[in-house]
């Protein structure tokens, strides 16, 4: 989910409008006084800047992407790539011993998409793919981010009697710290079809 700095976007739009107006005074033959045309031009300028940033500059060095951030575009942590995902489910939780009995390991691939990230992966018994996603920077800690997504999980084996798996939706909340780029921790929860929750630990896979 892209978060633009609306104040900066409006400010730059006003600045460009006055710039075009000043140009129209210098070059009267160019019909810049037609503000509908000016609005379209400004829109395309911002749209092209957004495309450039989302596709090429979002993960570049801070010096290269700083102008885009100054204009109000969203900063992103670079979490793309392959991760090993360990899960600890409440499906068979030992409440007396405070211990997870249902554990497993899978993989998750994180890709950059316009306005955020997509998440997809596999476990032994199922695969999942994200739909909506969000991320926010911790206002009290400049290195920490909170990321999350809604997902749909589908069992690879449709025999519910043998696997206990049923197609369901869920959500994931992850805490990412730029000082520890090789690990992300968080938790998940499922809908009423599954009725479980648990802990997640992601570790970066370097190919």
Protein backbone atom coordinates (compact mmCIF):
# COMPACT_ATOMS: atom_id res chain seq x y z
CA UNK A 1 0.00 0.00 0.00
CA UNK A 2 1.65 3.22 -1.11
CA UNK A 3 1.71 6.09 1.33
CA UNK A 4 2.34 9.42 -0.36
CA UNK A 5 3.10 12.60 1.52
CA UNK A 6 0.05 14.53 0.39
CA UNK A 7 1.39 17.90 1.56
CA UNK A 8 4.51 17.52 -0.55
CA UNK A 9 2.57 16.28 -3.58
CA UNK A 10 0.20 19.26 -3.39
CA UNK A 11 3.12 21.65 -2.89
CA UNK A 12 4.99 20.38 -5.94
CA UNK A 13 1.78 20.52 -8.00
CA UNK A 14 1.25 24.16 -7.03
CA UNK A 15 4.89 24.93 -7.81
CA UNK A 16 4.61 23.36 -11.27
CA UNK A 17 1.37 25.23 -11.94
CA UNK A 18 3.03 28.57 -11.21
CA UNK A 19 6.06 27.53 -13.28
CA UNK A 20 3.84 26.82 -16.29
CA UNK A 21 1.96 30.07 -15.70
CA UNK A 22 5.22 32.04 -15.64
CA UNK A 23 6.28 30.31 -18.85
CA UNK A 24 3.00 31.24 -20.48
CA UNK A 25 3.74 34.91 -19.72
CA UNK A 26 7.14 34.61 -21.36
CA UNK A 27 5.87 32.63 -24.37
CA UNK A 28 2.30 33.85 -25.05
CA UNK A 29 1.97 31.77 -28.22
CA UNK A 30 2.01 28.58 -26.13
CA UNK A 31 -1.46 28.15 -24.69
CA UNK A 32 -0.36 27.27 -21.14
CA UNK A 33 -3.18 29.37 -19.80
CA UNK A 34 -5.43 26.42 -20.44
CA UNK A 35 -5.28 25.00 -16.95
CA UNK A 36 -6.88 21.74 -17.96
CA UNK A 37 -3.83 21.05 -20.13
CA UNK A 38 -1.52 22.15 -17.34
CA UNK A 39 -3.25 19.75 -14.94
CA UNK A 40 -2.80 16.86 -17.36
CA UNK A 41 0.89 17.70 -17.80
CA UNK A 42 1.42 17.82 -14.03
CA UNK A 43 -0.40 14.51 -13.62
CA UNK A 44 1.82 12.81 -16.20
CA UNK A 45 4.97 14.24 -14.64
CA UNK A 46 4.03 12.84 -11.23
CA UNK A 47 2.86 9.57 -12.78
CA UNK A 48 6.15 9.09 -14.65
CA UNK A 49 8.13 9.92 -11.52
CA UNK A 50 6.11 7.33 -9.63
CA UNK A 51 6.81 4.70 -12.32
CA UNK A 52 10.51 5.49 -12.25
CA UNK A 53 10.69 5.25 -8.49
CA UNK A 54 8.56 2.12 -8.07
CA UNK A 55 10.40 0.20 -10.80
CA UNK A 56 13.99 1.46 -10.70
CA UNK A 57 14.93 3.71 -7.79
CA UNK A 58 13.11 2.39 -4.70
CA UNK A 59 16.00 0.10 -3.68
CA UNK A 60 18.89 2.29 -4.81
CA UNK A 61 21.36 4.13 -2.58
CA UNK A 62 19.79 6.84 -0.45
CA UNK A 63 21.55 9.54 -2.51
CA UNK A 64 19.77 8.38 -5.69
CA UNK A 65 16.32 7.95 -4.18
CA UNK A 66 16.43 10.96 -1.83
CA UNK A 67 14.85 13.34 -4.42
CA UNK A 68 11.86 10.98 -4.72
CA UNK A 69 11.48 10.76 -0.94
CA UNK A 70 11.67 14.55 -0.74
CA UNK A 71 8.78 14.75 -3.22
CA UNK A 72 6.70 12.53 -0.93
CA UNK A 73 7.08 9.03 -2.34
CA UNK A 74 7.06 6.06 0.03
CA UNK A 75 10.31 4.72 1.45
CA UNK A 76 10.63 0.92 1.43
CA UNK A 77 12.75 -1.60 3.31
CA UNK A 78 14.42 -3.98 0.83
CA UNK A 79 13.00 -7.34 1.89
CA UNK A 80 12.77 -8.90 -1.57
CA UNK A 81 14.15 -12.37 -2.18
CA UNK A 82 13.76 -15.90 -0.83
CA UNK A 83 13.26 -16.58 2.87
CA UNK A 84 12.98 -19.71 4.98
CA UNK A 85 9.82 -19.49 7.07
CA UNK A 86 9.50 -21.43 10.33
CA UNK A 87 6.02 -21.56 11.82
CA UNK A 88 4.81 -22.50 15.28
CA UNK A 89 1.09 -23.20 15.29
CA UNK A 90 -1.48 -23.23 18.09
CA UNK A 91 -3.12 -26.23 16.38
CA UNK A 92 -1.75 -28.59 19.08
CA UNK A 93 -0.39 -26.19 21.68
CA UNK A 94 0.74 -27.57 25.05
CA UNK A 95 -0.82 -25.08 27.43
CA UNK A 96 0.58 -26.78 30.54
CA UNK A 97 4.13 -26.70 29.23
CA UNK A 98 3.72 -23.45 27.23
CA UNK A 99 5.14 -25.18 24.16
CA UNK A 100 4.19 -25.34 20.49
CA UNK A 101 3.68 -28.93 19.36
CA UNK A 102 2.84 -28.16 15.73
CA UNK A 103 5.89 -26.82 13.93
CA UNK A 104 7.12 -26.71 10.37
CA UNK A 105 9.40 -25.05 7.83
CA UNK A 106 8.53 -23.65 4.43
CA UNK A 107 9.72 -21.04 1.98
CA UNK A 108 8.43 -17.60 1.12
CA UNK A 109 9.29 -15.39 -1.86
CA UNK A 110 8.89 -11.65 -1.46
CA UNK A 111 8.65 -9.53 -4.62
CA UNK A 112 8.40 -5.80 -5.14
CA UNK A 113 5.17 -4.68 -6.77
CA UNK A 114 3.85 -1.18 -7.36
CA UNK A 115 2.78 0.23 -4.02
CA UNK A 116 4.26 -2.51 -1.86
CA UNK A 117 5.24 -6.17 -1.88
CA UNK A 118 3.73 -9.54 -2.78
CA UNK A 119 4.25 -12.69 -0.71
CA UNK A 120 3.95 -16.30 -1.85
CA UNK A 121 5.31 -19.61 -0.64
CA UNK A 122 4.93 -23.26 0.16
CA UNK A 123 4.82 -25.58 3.14
CA UNK A 124 4.72 -29.36 3.08
CA UNK A 125 0.94 -29.50 2.91
CA UNK A 126 -0.11 -26.21 1.35
CA UNK A 127 0.79 -23.13 -0.65
CA UNK A 128 -0.20 -19.52 -0.07
CA UNK A 129 -0.31 -16.21 -1.90
CA UNK A 130 -0.90 -12.70 -0.60
CA UNK A 131 -3.50 -10.20 -1.76
CA UNK A 132 -3.53 -6.95 0.23
CA UNK A 133 -0.37 -5.75 1.95
CA UNK A 134 0.79 -2.86 4.11
CA UNK A 135 3.93 -1.54 5.80
CA UNK A 136 4.71 1.30 8.15
CA UNK A 137 7.87 2.73 9.65
CA UNK A 138 8.08 2.79 13.44
CA UNK A 139 7.83 6.48 14.33
CA UNK A 140 9.85 5.91 17.50
CA UNK A 141 12.59 3.78 15.91
CA UNK A 142 13.95 4.71 12.48
CA UNK A 143 15.31 1.20 11.80
CA UNK A 144 12.09 -0.73 12.50
CA UNK A 145 9.21 -1.47 10.15
CA UNK A 146 5.87 -3.24 10.58
CA UNK A 147 4.80 -5.25 7.53
CA UNK A 148 1.74 -7.34 6.91
CA UNK A 149 -0.41 -9.02 4.34
CA UNK A 150 -3.63 -10.92 3.84
CA UNK A 151 -3.22 -14.34 2.23
CA UNK A 152 -5.13 -17.32 0.89
CA UNK A 153 -3.78 -20.79 1.70
CA UNK A 154 -4.67 -23.81 -0.40
CA UNK A 155 -3.96 -27.45 0.56
CA UNK A 156 -1.96 -29.53 -1.92
CA UNK A 157 -3.93 -32.62 -0.87
CA UNK A 158 -7.71 -32.20 -0.93
CA UNK A 159 -8.43 -35.20 1.32
CA UNK A 160 -9.36 -33.38 4.50
CA UNK A 161 -9.65 -36.61 6.49
CA UNK A 162 -5.94 -37.37 5.94
CA UNK A 163 -4.39 -33.92 6.09
CA UNK A 164 -6.72 -31.83 8.25
CA UNK A 165 -6.08 -28.91 5.88
CA UNK A 166 -8.84 -26.81 4.37
CA UNK A 167 -8.57 -23.77 2.14
CA UNK A 168 -8.62 -20.63 4.28
CA UNK A 169 -7.63 -16.98 4.53
CA UNK A 170 -5.43 -15.34 7.11
CA UNK A 171 -3.21 -12.41 7.92
CA UNK A 172 0.45 -11.96 8.87
CA UNK A 173 2.13 -9.19 10.88
CA UNK A 174 5.94 -8.99 10.63
CA UNK A 175 8.52 -6.85 12.41
CA UNK A 176 11.54 -5.94 10.29
CA UNK A 177 14.64 -4.23 11.68
CA UNK A 178 17.26 -2.76 9.34
CA UNK A 179 19.92 -3.63 11.90
CA UNK A 180 19.12 -7.34 11.50
CA UNK A 181 18.40 -7.75 7.79
CA UNK A 182 18.68 -11.55 7.82
CA UNK A 183 15.70 -12.26 10.06
CA UNK A 184 12.09 -11.15 10.33
CA UNK A 185 9.78 -12.22 13.15
CA UNK A 186 6.03 -11.97 13.54
CA UNK A 187 2.77 -13.84 13.93
CA UNK A 188 -0.22 -14.99 11.89
CA UNK A 189 -3.88 -15.67 12.37
CA UNK A 190 -6.43 -17.65 10.34
CA UNK A 191 -10.13 -17.33 9.62
CA UNK A 192 -12.96 -19.43 11.07
CA UNK A 193 -12.26 -22.29 8.65
CA UNK A 194 -8.89 -22.95 10.30
CA UNK A 195 -9.12 -21.24 13.71
CA UNK A 196 -5.39 -21.21 14.47
CA UNK A 197 -2.68 -18.66 15.09
CA UNK A 198 1.03 -18.81 15.73
CA UNK A 199 4.56 -17.46 15.56
CA UNK A 200 6.64 -16.93 12.42
CA UNK A 201 10.40 -16.59 11.97
CA UNK A 202 11.84 -15.75 8.52
CA UNK A 203 15.51 -16.20 7.73
CA UNK A 204 17.09 -14.84 4.55
CA UNK A 205 18.21 -17.41 1.98
CA UNK A 206 21.29 -16.43 0.00
CA UNK A 207 21.60 -18.35 -3.29
